[in-house]
All heavy atoms as atom14 arrays in JSON, in Angstrom:
{
  "sequence": "YGISKQLGTRHRASLGMSENSDAIVLVVSEETGVISIARDGVLKRNYT",
  "atom14_mask": [
    [1, 1, 1, 1, 1, 1, 1, 1, 1, 1, 1, 1, 0, 0],
    [1, 1, 1, 1, 0, 0, 0, 0, 0, 0, 0, 0, 0, 0],
    [1, 1, 1, 1, 1, 1, 1, 1, 0, 0, 0, 0, 0, 0],
    [1, 1, 1, 1, 1, 1, 0, 0, 0, 0, 0, 0, 0, 0],
    [1, 1, 1, 1, 1, 1, 1, 1, 1, 0, 0, 0, 0, 0],
    [1, 1, 1, 1, 1, 1, 1, 1, 1, 0, 0, 0, 0, 0],
    [1, 1, 1, 1, 1, 1, 1, 1, 0, 0, 0, 0, 0, 0],
    [1, 1, 1, 1, 0, 0, 0, 0, 0, 0, 0, 0, 0, 0],
    [1, 1, 1, 1, 1, 1, 1, 0, 0, 0, 0, 0, 0, 0],
    [1, 1, 1, 1, 1, 1, 1, 1, 1, 1, 1, 0, 0, 0],
    [1, 1, 1, 1, 1, 1, 1, 1, 1, 1, 0, 0, 0, 0],
    [1, 1, 1, 1, 1, 1, 1, 1, 1, 1, 1, 0, 0, 0],
    [1, 1, 1, 1, 1, 0, 0, 0, 0, 0, 0, 0, 0, 0],
    [1, 1, 1, 1, 1, 1, 0, 0, 0, 0, 0, 0, 0, 0],
    [1, 1, 1, 1, 1, 1, 1, 1, 0, 0, 0, 0, 0, 0],
    [1, 1, 1, 1, 0, 0, 0, 0, 0, 0, 0, 0, 0, 0],
    [1, 1, 1, 1, 1, 1, 1, 1, 0, 0, 0, 0, 0, 0],
    [1, 1, 1, 1, 1, 1, 0, 0, 0, 0, 0, 0, 0, 0],
    [1, 1, 1, 1, 1, 1, 1, 1, 1, 0, 0, 0, 0, 0],
    [1, 1, 1, 1, 1, 1, 1, 1, 0, 0, 0, 0, 0, 0],
    [1, 1, 1, 1, 1, 1, 0, 0, 0, 0, 0, 0, 0, 0],
    [1, 1, 1, 1, 1, 1, 1, 1, 0, 0, 0, 0, 0, 0],
    [1, 1, 1, 1, 1, 0, 0, 0, 0, 0, 0, 0, 0, 0],
    [1, 1, 1, 1, 1, 1, 1, 1, 0, 0, 0, 0, 0, 0],
    [1, 1, 1, 1, 1, 1, 1, 0, 0, 0, 0, 0, 0, 0],
    [1, 1, 1, 1, 1, 1, 1, 1, 0, 0, 0, 0, 0, 0],
    [1, 1, 1, 1, 1, 1, 1, 0, 0, 0, 0, 0, 0, 0],
    [1, 1, 1, 1, 1, 1, 1, 0, 0, 0, 0, 0, 0, 0],
    [1, 1, 1, 1, 1, 1, 0, 0, 0, 0, 0, 0, 0, 0],
    [1, 1, 1, 1, 1, 1, 1, 1, 1, 0, 0, 0, 0, 0],
    [1, 1, 1, 1, 1, 1, 1, 1, 1, 0, 0, 0, 0, 0],
    [1, 1, 1, 1, 1, 1, 1, 0, 0, 0, 0, 0, 0, 0],
    [1, 1, 1, 1, 0, 0, 0, 0, 0, 0, 0, 0, 0, 0],
    [1, 1, 1, 1, 1, 1, 1, 0, 0, 0, 0, 0, 0, 0],
    [1, 1, 1, 1, 1, 1, 1, 1, 0, 0, 0, 0, 0, 0],
    [1, 1, 1, 1, 1, 1, 0, 0, 0, 0, 0, 0, 0, 0],
    [1, 1, 1, 1, 1, 1, 1, 1, 0, 0, 0, 0, 0, 0],
    [1, 1, 1, 1, 1, 0, 0, 0, 0, 0, 0, 0, 0, 0],
    [1, 1, 1, 1, 1, 1, 1, 1, 1, 1, 1, 0, 0, 0],
    [1, 1, 1, 1, 1, 1, 1, 1, 0, 0, 0, 0, 0, 0],
    [1, 1, 1, 1, 0, 0, 0, 0, 0, 0, 0, 0, 0, 0],
    [1, 1, 1, 1, 1, 1, 1, 0, 0, 0, 0, 0, 0, 0],
    [1, 1, 1, 1, 1, 1, 1, 1, 0, 0, 0, 0, 0, 0],
    [1, 1, 1, 1, 1, 1, 1, 1, 1, 0, 0, 0, 0, 0],
    [1, 1, 1, 1, 1, 1, 1, 1, 1, 1, 1, 0, 0, 0],
    [1, 1, 1, 1, 1, 1, 1, 1, 0, 0, 0, 0, 0, 0],
    [1, 1, 1, 1, 1, 1, 1, 1, 1, 1, 1, 1, 0, 0],
    [1, 1, 1, 1, 1, 1, 1, 0, 0, 0, 0, 0, 0, 0]
  ],
  "atom14_positions": [
    [[86.16, 101.25, 91.57], [86.76, 99.9, 91.75], [88.24, 99.84, 91.4], [88.82, 98.85, 91.54], [85.92, 98.78, 90.97], [84.56, 98.79, 91.39], [83.42, 99.34, 90.6], [84.08, 98.11, 92.53], [82.19, 99.29, 90.91], [82.81, 98.09, 92.95], [81.81, 98.73, 92.2], [80.43, 98.67, 92.47], [0.0, 0.0, 0.0], [0.0, 0.0, 0.0]],
    [[88.73, 100.99, 90.94], [90.09, 100.93, 90.54], [91.1, 101.34, 91.77], [92.36, 101.37, 91.46], [0.0, 0.0, 0.0], [0.0, 0.0, 0.0], [0.0, 0.0, 0.0], [0.0, 0.0, 0.0], [0.0, 0.0, 0.0], [0.0, 0.0, 0.0], [0.0, 0.0, 0.0], [0.0, 0.0, 0.0], [0.0, 0.0, 0.0], [0.0, 0.0, 0.0]],
    [[90.54, 101.47, 93.0], [91.33, 101.84, 94.05], [92.27, 100.6, 94.51], [91.84, 99.45, 94.4], [90.41, 102.29, 95.21], [89.53, 103.51, 94.91], [91.3, 102.59, 96.54], [88.56, 103.91, 95.94], [0.0, 0.0, 0.0], [0.0, 0.0, 0.0], [0.0, 0.0, 0.0], [0.0, 0.0, 0.0], [0.0, 0.0, 0.0], [0.0, 0.0, 0.0]],
    [[93.42, 100.95, 94.81], [94.42, 99.93, 95.2], [93.85, 99.17, 96.43], [93.28, 99.7, 97.34], [95.81, 100.51, 95.5], [96.7, 99.61, 96.07], [0.0, 0.0, 0.0], [0.0, 0.0, 0.0], [0.0, 0.0, 0.0], [0.0, 0.0, 0.0], [0.0, 0.0, 0.0], [0.0, 0.0, 0.0], [0.0, 0.0, 0.0], [0.0, 0.0, 0.0]],
    [[94.12, 97.8, 96.31], [93.77, 97.06, 97.45], [94.47, 97.31, 98.81], [93.99, 96.95, 99.81], [93.92, 95.53, 97.09], [93.15, 95.04, 95.83], [91.66, 95.08, 96.1], [90.85, 94.55, 94.9], [89.48, 94.57, 95.05], [0.0, 0.0, 0.0], [0.0, 0.0, 0.0], [0.0, 0.0, 0.0], [0.0, 0.0, 0.0], [0.0, 0.0, 0.0]],
    [[95.6, 98.01, 98.64], [96.4, 98.35, 99.84], [95.84, 99.45, 100.6], [96.16, 99.69, 101.81], [97.73, 98.71, 99.34], [98.61, 97.59, 98.73], [99.99, 97.97, 98.15], [100.34, 99.19, 98.23], [100.65, 97.01, 97.68], [0.0, 0.0, 0.0], [0.0, 0.0, 0.0], [0.0, 0.0, 0.0], [0.0, 0.0, 0.0], [0.0, 0.0, 0.0]],
    [[94.87, 100.15, 99.98], [94.23, 101.34, 100.74], [93.08, 100.88, 101.54], [92.2, 100.13, 101.0], [93.79, 102.45, 99.74], [95.03, 103.0, 98.89], [94.52, 104.03, 97.93], [96.15, 103.5, 99.76], [0.0, 0.0, 0.0], [0.0, 0.0, 0.0], [0.0, 0.0, 0.0], [0.0, 0.0, 0.0], [0.0, 0.0, 0.0], [0.0, 0.0, 0.0]],
    [[92.95, 101.38, 102.76], [91.94, 100.92, 103.65], [90.72, 101.7, 103.5], [90.36, 102.55, 102.7], [0.0, 0.0, 0.0], [0.0, 0.0, 0.0], [0.0, 0.0, 0.0], [0.0, 0.0, 0.0], [0.0, 0.0, 0.0], [0.0, 0.0, 0.0], [0.0, 0.0, 0.0], [0.0, 0.0, 0.0], [0.0, 0.0, 0.0], [0.0, 0.0, 0.0]],
    [[89.83, 101.63, 104.57], [88.5, 102.34, 104.55], [88.67, 103.86, 104.66], [87.83, 104.59, 104.03], [87.69, 101.79, 105.78], [87.51, 100.38, 105.75], [86.31, 102.47, 105.87], [0.0, 0.0, 0.0], [0.0, 0.0, 0.0], [0.0, 0.0, 0.0], [0.0, 0.0, 0.0], [0.0, 0.0, 0.0], [0.0, 0.0, 0.0], [0.0, 0.0, 0.0]],
    [[89.62, 104.4, 105.4], [89.81, 105.82, 105.48], [90.13, 106.4, 104.11], [89.61, 107.51, 103.73], [90.99, 106.22, 106.49], [90.64, 106.03, 107.93], [91.78, 106.63, 108.7], [91.4, 106.63, 110.3], [91.79, 105.54, 110.88], [92.42, 104.45, 110.38], [91.4, 105.52, 112.31], [0.0, 0.0, 0.0], [0.0, 0.0, 0.0], [0.0, 0.0, 0.0]],
    [[90.95, 105.78, 103.33], [91.3, 106.28, 102.01], [90.1, 106.31, 101.02], [89.84, 107.17, 100.24], [92.55, 105.48, 101.46], [93.7, 105.75, 102.21], [94.05, 105.01, 103.22], [94.81, 106.66, 102.02], [95.29, 105.36, 103.77], [95.7, 106.36, 102.86], [0.0, 0.0, 0.0], [0.0, 0.0, 0.0], [0.0, 0.0, 0.0], [0.0, 0.0, 0.0]],
    [[89.23, 105.13, 101.17], [88.1, 104.92, 100.38], [87.09, 106.0, 100.73], [86.29, 106.51, 100.02], [87.55, 103.59, 100.43], [86.4, 103.25, 99.51], [86.03, 101.82, 99.64], [87.06, 100.97, 99.11], [87.11, 100.61, 97.72], [86.14, 101.19, 96.9], [87.97, 99.86, 97.28], [0.0, 0.0, 0.0], [0.0, 0.0, 0.0], [0.0, 0.0, 0.0]],
    [[86.97, 106.26, 102.0], [86.03, 107.37, 102.49], [86.59, 108.73, 101.99], [85.58, 109.59, 101.76], [85.94, 107.37, 104.01], [0.0, 0.0, 0.0], [0.0, 0.0, 0.0], [0.0, 0.0, 0.0], [0.0, 0.0, 0.0], [0.0, 0.0, 0.0], [0.0, 0.0, 0.0], [0.0, 0.0, 0.0], [0.0, 0.0, 0.0], [0.0, 0.0, 0.0]],
    [[87.79, 109.04, 102.09], [88.25, 110.27, 101.64], [87.92, 110.52, 100.2], [87.51, 111.57, 99.8], [89.74, 110.38, 101.87], [90.52, 109.51, 101.11], [0.0, 0.0, 0.0], [0.0, 0.0, 0.0], [0.0, 0.0, 0.0], [0.0, 0.0, 0.0], [0.0, 0.0, 0.0], [0.0, 0.0, 0.0], [0.0, 0.0, 0.0], [0.0, 0.0, 0.0]],
    [[88.19, 109.43, 99.29], [87.82, 109.6, 97.92], [86.33, 109.82, 97.79], [85.87, 110.65, 96.92], [88.31, 108.32, 97.19], [89.66, 108.35, 96.7], [90.06, 106.97, 96.04], [89.88, 109.39, 95.64], [0.0, 0.0, 0.0], [0.0, 0.0, 0.0], [0.0, 0.0, 0.0], [0.0, 0.0, 0.0], [0.0, 0.0, 0.0], [0.0, 0.0, 0.0]],
    [[85.49, 109.02, 98.39], [84.03, 109.2, 98.36], [83.65, 110.63, 98.78], [82.8, 111.17, 98.05], [0.0, 0.0, 0.0], [0.0, 0.0, 0.0], [0.0, 0.0, 0.0], [0.0, 0.0, 0.0], [0.0, 0.0, 0.0], [0.0, 0.0, 0.0], [0.0, 0.0, 0.0], [0.0, 0.0, 0.0], [0.0, 0.0, 0.0], [0.0, 0.0, 0.0]],
    [[84.26, 111.19, 99.77], [83.94, 112.52, 100.18], [84.3, 113.67, 99.12], [83.55, 114.57, 98.78], [84.55, 112.95, 101.36], [84.0, 114.15, 102.15], [82.44, 114.08, 102.82], [81.36, 114.7, 101.57], [0.0, 0.0, 0.0], [0.0, 0.0, 0.0], [0.0, 0.0, 0.0], [0.0, 0.0, 0.0], [0.0, 0.0, 0.0], [0.0, 0.0, 0.0]],
    [[85.42, 113.4, 98.46], [85.98, 114.33, 97.5], [85.23, 114.21, 96.19], [85.14, 115.08, 95.33], [87.46, 114.06, 97.16], [87.68, 112.84, 96.57], [0.0, 0.0, 0.0], [0.0, 0.0, 0.0], [0.0, 0.0, 0.0], [0.0, 0.0, 0.0], [0.0, 0.0, 0.0], [0.0, 0.0, 0.0], [0.0, 0.0, 0.0], [0.0, 0.0, 0.0]],
    [[84.64, 112.97, 95.95], [83.8, 112.85, 94.7], [82.46, 113.42, 94.91], [81.85, 113.82, 93.86], [83.51, 111.28, 94.53], [84.87, 110.52, 94.07], [84.73, 109.02, 94.08], [83.6, 108.65, 94.52], [85.57, 108.36, 93.63], [0.0, 0.0, 0.0], [0.0, 0.0, 0.0], [0.0, 0.0, 0.0], [0.0, 0.0, 0.0], [0.0, 0.0, 0.0]],
    [[81.9, 113.56, 96.11], [80.65, 114.18, 96.22], [80.59, 115.65, 96.67], [79.57, 116.22, 96.95], [79.9, 113.28, 97.36], [79.52, 111.94, 96.74], [78.48, 111.87, 96.1], [80.25, 110.98, 97.0], [0.0, 0.0, 0.0], [0.0, 0.0, 0.0], [0.0, 0.0, 0.0], [0.0, 0.0, 0.0], [0.0, 0.0, 0.0], [0.0, 0.0, 0.0]],
    [[81.82, 116.27, 96.8], [81.86, 117.62, 97.24], [83.19, 118.18, 96.78], [84.01, 117.53, 96.13], [81.77, 117.76, 98.71], [82.92, 117.22, 99.4], [0.0, 0.0, 0.0], [0.0, 0.0, 0.0], [0.0, 0.0, 0.0], [0.0, 0.0, 0.0], [0.0, 0.0, 0.0], [0.0, 0.0, 0.0], [0.0, 0.0, 0.0], [0.0, 0.0, 0.0]],
    [[83.4, 119.59, 97.03], [84.63, 120.17, 96.79], [85.58, 120.14, 97.98], [86.58, 121.03, 97.9], [84.43, 121.57, 96.18], [83.73, 122.39, 97.2], [83.28, 121.91, 98.21], [83.6, 123.73, 96.94], [0.0, 0.0, 0.0], [0.0, 0.0, 0.0], [0.0, 0.0, 0.0], [0.0, 0.0, 0.0], [0.0, 0.0, 0.0], [0.0, 0.0, 0.0]],
    [[85.39, 119.44, 98.93], [86.12, 119.4, 100.13], [87.52, 118.94, 99.83], [87.85, 118.11, 99.0], [85.45, 118.56, 101.26], [0.0, 0.0, 0.0], [0.0, 0.0, 0.0], [0.0, 0.0, 0.0], [0.0, 0.0, 0.0], [0.0, 0.0, 0.0], [0.0, 0.0, 0.0], [0.0, 0.0, 0.0], [0.0, 0.0, 0.0], [0.0, 0.0, 0.0]],
    [[88.48, 119.42, 100.72], [89.72, 118.85, 100.78], [89.82, 117.87, 101.92], [89.58, 118.27, 103.08], [90.88, 120.06, 100.99], [90.78, 120.93, 99.72], [92.27, 119.37, 101.07], [91.71, 122.16, 99.93], [0.0, 0.0, 0.0], [0.0, 0.0, 0.0], [0.0, 0.0, 0.0], [0.0, 0.0, 0.0], [0.0, 0.0, 0.0], [0.0, 0.0, 0.0]],
    [[90.38, 116.68, 101.61], [90.35, 115.56, 102.65], [91.68, 115.12, 103.0], [92.44, 114.72, 102.0], [89.43, 114.36, 102.24], [89.27, 113.5, 103.43], [88.07, 114.88, 101.83], [0.0, 0.0, 0.0], [0.0, 0.0, 0.0], [0.0, 0.0, 0.0], [0.0, 0.0, 0.0], [0.0, 0.0, 0.0], [0.0, 0.0, 0.0], [0.0, 0.0, 0.0]],
    [[92.15, 115.16, 104.2], [93.44, 114.81, 104.61], [93.46, 113.37, 105.27], [92.46, 113.19, 106.13], [94.02, 115.74, 105.62], [94.12, 117.16, 105.23], [94.71, 118.1, 106.3], [95.06, 117.3, 104.0], [0.0, 0.0, 0.0], [0.0, 0.0, 0.0], [0.0, 0.0, 0.0], [0.0, 0.0, 0.0], [0.0, 0.0, 0.0], [0.0, 0.0, 0.0]],
    [[94.26, 112.62, 104.92], [94.22, 111.23, 105.67], [95.67, 110.77, 106.02], [96.7, 111.07, 105.41], [93.91, 110.11, 104.51], [93.69, 108.75, 105.25], [92.63, 110.51, 103.83], [0.0, 0.0, 0.0], [0.0, 0.0, 0.0], [0.0, 0.0, 0.0], [0.0, 0.0, 0.0], [0.0, 0.0, 0.0], [0.0, 0.0, 0.0], [0.0, 0.0, 0.0]],
    [[95.79, 110.33, 107.27], [96.9, 109.67, 107.75], [96.73, 108.24, 108.04], [95.74, 107.79, 108.63], [97.35, 110.31, 109.18], [98.72, 109.61, 109.69], [97.51, 111.85, 109.01], [0.0, 0.0, 0.0], [0.0, 0.0, 0.0], [0.0, 0.0, 0.0], [0.0, 0.0, 0.0], [0.0, 0.0, 0.0], [0.0, 0.0, 0.0], [0.0, 0.0, 0.0]],
    [[97.55, 107.42, 107.29], [97.46, 105.96, 107.31], [97.82, 105.47, 108.72], [98.93, 105.83, 109.28], [98.26, 105.36, 106.26], [98.33, 103.87, 106.31], [0.0, 0.0, 0.0], [0.0, 0.0, 0.0], [0.0, 0.0, 0.0], [0.0, 0.0, 0.0], [0.0, 0.0, 0.0], [0.0, 0.0, 0.0], [0.0, 0.0, 0.0], [0.0, 0.0, 0.0]],
    [[97.03, 104.47, 109.16], [97.22, 103.93, 110.49], [98.31, 102.76, 110.36], [99.09, 102.43, 111.36], [96.0, 103.2, 111.0], [95.99, 102.84, 112.41], [94.77, 102.38, 112.93], [93.8, 102.07, 112.07], [94.5, 102.36, 114.18], [0.0, 0.0, 0.0], [0.0, 0.0, 0.0], [0.0, 0.0, 0.0], [0.0, 0.0, 0.0], [0.0, 0.0, 0.0]],
    [[98.57, 102.31, 109.09], [99.53, 101.2, 108.91], [100.94, 101.82, 108.63], [101.91, 101.25, 109.09], [99.12, 100.24, 107.72], [97.92, 99.36, 108.02], [96.6, 100.22, 108.1], [96.5, 101.35, 107.43], [95.62, 99.67, 108.64], [0.0, 0.0, 0.0], [0.0, 0.0, 0.0], [0.0, 0.0, 0.0], [0.0, 0.0, 0.0], [0.0, 0.0, 0.0]],
    [[100.91, 102.84, 107.83], [102.29, 103.23, 107.33], [102.51, 104.71, 107.79], [103.76, 105.11, 107.8], [102.38, 103.37, 105.79], [101.24, 104.24, 105.17], [102.05, 102.0, 105.2], [0.0, 0.0, 0.0], [0.0, 0.0, 0.0], [0.0, 0.0, 0.0], [0.0, 0.0, 0.0], [0.0, 0.0, 0.0], [0.0, 0.0, 0.0], [0.0, 0.0, 0.0]],
    [[101.59, 105.52, 108.31], [101.78, 106.89, 108.68], [101.98, 107.83, 107.55], [102.19, 109.12, 107.67], [0.0, 0.0, 0.0], [0.0, 0.0, 0.0], [0.0, 0.0, 0.0], [0.0, 0.0, 0.0], [0.0, 0.0, 0.0], [0.0, 0.0, 0.0], [0.0, 0.0, 0.0], [0.0, 0.0, 0.0], [0.0, 0.0, 0.0], [0.0, 0.0, 0.0]],
    [[101.72, 107.39, 106.26], [101.74, 108.18, 105.18], [100.64, 109.24, 105.0], [99.39, 108.86, 105.38], [101.71, 107.33, 103.77], [101.49, 108.23, 102.61], [102.99, 106.51, 103.69], [0.0, 0.0, 0.0], [0.0, 0.0, 0.0], [0.0, 0.0, 0.0], [0.0, 0.0, 0.0], [0.0, 0.0, 0.0], [0.0, 0.0, 0.0], [0.0, 0.0, 0.0]],
    [[100.89, 110.38, 104.73], [99.9, 111.52, 104.61], [99.4, 111.69, 103.27], [100.26, 111.7, 102.3], [100.44, 112.86, 105.07], [100.98, 112.76, 106.47], [99.45, 114.02, 105.02], [101.8, 114.03, 106.94], [0.0, 0.0, 0.0], [0.0, 0.0, 0.0], [0.0, 0.0, 0.0], [0.0, 0.0, 0.0], [0.0, 0.0, 0.0], [0.0, 0.0, 0.0]],
    [[98.12, 111.51, 103.01], [97.5, 111.71, 101.67], [96.45, 112.71, 101.67], [95.93, 113.25, 102.7], [96.76, 110.33, 101.29], [97.71, 109.32, 101.38], [0.0, 0.0, 0.0], [0.0, 0.0, 0.0], [0.0, 0.0, 0.0], [0.0, 0.0, 0.0], [0.0, 0.0, 0.0], [0.0, 0.0, 0.0], [0.0, 0.0, 0.0], [0.0, 0.0, 0.0]],
    [[96.16, 113.25, 100.33], [95.13, 114.2, 100.31], [94.18, 113.84, 99.08], [94.66, 113.38, 98.01], [95.74, 115.56, 99.89], [96.52, 116.2, 101.2], [94.62, 116.62, 99.44], [97.12, 117.5, 100.88], [0.0, 0.0, 0.0], [0.0, 0.0, 0.0], [0.0, 0.0, 0.0], [0.0, 0.0, 0.0], [0.0, 0.0, 0.0], [0.0, 0.0, 0.0]],
    [[92.96, 113.86, 99.37], [91.85, 113.63, 98.27], [91.17, 114.81, 97.9], [90.74, 115.62, 98.8], [90.94, 112.59, 98.79], [0.0, 0.0, 0.0], [0.0, 0.0, 0.0], [0.0, 0.0, 0.0], [0.0, 0.0, 0.0], [0.0, 0.0, 0.0], [0.0, 0.0, 0.0], [0.0, 0.0, 0.0], [0.0, 0.0, 0.0], [0.0, 0.0, 0.0]],
    [[91.14, 115.18, 96.57], [90.45, 116.39, 95.98], [89.88, 115.96, 94.66], [90.45, 115.3, 93.88], [91.46, 117.5, 95.79], [92.1, 118.08, 97.04], [93.09, 119.07, 96.72], [92.58, 120.21, 96.04], [93.26, 121.12, 95.29], [94.53, 120.89, 95.12], [92.72, 122.06, 94.65], [0.0, 0.0, 0.0], [0.0, 0.0, 0.0], [0.0, 0.0, 0.0]],
    [[88.66, 116.34, 94.51], [87.93, 116.21, 93.17], [88.15, 114.71, 92.69], [88.29, 114.48, 91.52], [88.59, 117.1, 92.09], [88.43, 118.54, 92.58], [87.36, 118.88, 93.1], [89.18, 119.31, 92.31], [0.0, 0.0, 0.0], [0.0, 0.0, 0.0], [0.0, 0.0, 0.0], [0.0, 0.0, 0.0], [0.0, 0.0, 0.0], [0.0, 0.0, 0.0]],
    [[87.93, 113.76, 93.67], [87.95, 112.42, 93.33], [89.37, 111.72, 92.91], [89.44, 110.73, 92.36], [0.0, 0.0, 0.0], [0.0, 0.0, 0.0], [0.0, 0.0, 0.0], [0.0, 0.0, 0.0], [0.0, 0.0, 0.0], [0.0, 0.0, 0.0], [0.0, 0.0, 0.0], [0.0, 0.0, 0.0], [0.0, 0.0, 0.0], [0.0, 0.0, 0.0]],
    [[90.28, 112.57, 93.35], [91.72, 112.02, 93.15], [92.53, 112.04, 94.3], [92.39, 112.91, 95.09], [92.42, 113.0, 92.09], [93.92, 112.53, 91.95], [91.68, 113.06, 90.79], [0.0, 0.0, 0.0], [0.0, 0.0, 0.0], [0.0, 0.0, 0.0], [0.0, 0.0, 0.0], [0.0, 0.0, 0.0], [0.0, 0.0, 0.0], [0.0, 0.0, 0.0]],
    [[93.2, 110.93, 94.66], [93.99, 110.74, 95.79], [95.48, 110.8, 95.53], [95.95, 110.08, 94.74], [93.61, 109.38, 96.56], [94.34, 109.04, 97.83], [93.81, 109.96, 99.02], [94.2, 107.66, 98.18], [0.0, 0.0, 0.0], [0.0, 0.0, 0.0], [0.0, 0.0, 0.0], [0.0, 0.0, 0.0], [0.0, 0.0, 0.0], [0.0, 0.0, 0.0]],
    [[96.13, 111.74, 96.28], [97.56, 111.82, 96.11], [98.24, 111.52, 97.42], [97.85, 112.03, 98.46], [98.07, 113.23, 95.51], [97.52, 113.42, 94.17], [98.04, 114.74, 93.6], [97.55, 115.01, 92.21], [98.06, 116.33, 91.57], [0.0, 0.0, 0.0], [0.0, 0.0, 0.0], [0.0, 0.0, 0.0], [0.0, 0.0, 0.0], [0.0, 0.0, 0.0]],
    [[99.29, 110.71, 97.36], [99.94, 110.18, 98.64], [101.36, 110.86, 98.87], [101.89, 111.62, 98.01], [100.01, 108.75, 98.59], [98.78, 108.02, 98.38], [98.81, 106.48, 98.41], [99.12, 106.13, 99.82], [99.62, 104.95, 100.2], [99.85, 104.05, 99.15], [99.72, 104.57, 101.38], [0.0, 0.0, 0.0], [0.0, 0.0, 0.0], [0.0, 0.0, 0.0]],
    [[101.86, 110.56, 100.06], [103.25, 110.96, 100.35], [103.38, 112.47, 100.45], [104.44, 113.0, 99.91], [104.26, 110.2, 99.44], [104.23, 108.76, 99.51], [104.49, 108.12, 100.5], [103.91, 108.12, 98.37], [0.0, 0.0, 0.0], [0.0, 0.0, 0.0], [0.0, 0.0, 0.0], [0.0, 0.0, 0.0], [0.0, 0.0, 0.0], [0.0, 0.0, 0.0]],
    [[102.53, 113.16, 101.11], [102.78, 114.43, 101.41], [103.57, 114.67, 102.67], [103.53, 113.83, 103.58], [101.35, 115.31, 101.45], [100.75, 115.69, 100.26], [99.97, 114.6, 99.61], [100.99, 116.79, 99.71], [99.17, 115.01, 98.5], [100.22, 117.16, 98.54], [99.46, 116.2, 97.85], [98.81, 116.52, 96.7], [0.0, 0.0, 0.0], [0.0, 0.0, 0.0]],
    [[104.16, 115.85, 102.84], [104.81, 116.29, 104.04], [103.99, 117.32, 104.67], [103.22, 118.04, 103.99], [106.21, 116.73, 103.84], [106.19, 117.91, 102.99], [107.15, 115.77, 102.94], [0.0, 0.0, 0.0], [0.0, 0.0, 0.0], [0.0, 0.0, 0.0], [0.0, 0.0, 0.0], [0.0, 0.0, 0.0], [0.0, 0.0, 0.0], [0.0, 0.0, 0.0]]
  ]
}
């Protein structure tokens, strides 16, 4: 419930997948085009 309200369903799904597995999840935002990576339940943004 601590996820920012600015993040949409894709980001919440990427976090959920990383919380339940060791997968690396890549997300491209439809609103901003920002590239994010979710790993081990942690989401980091603004990758190139």
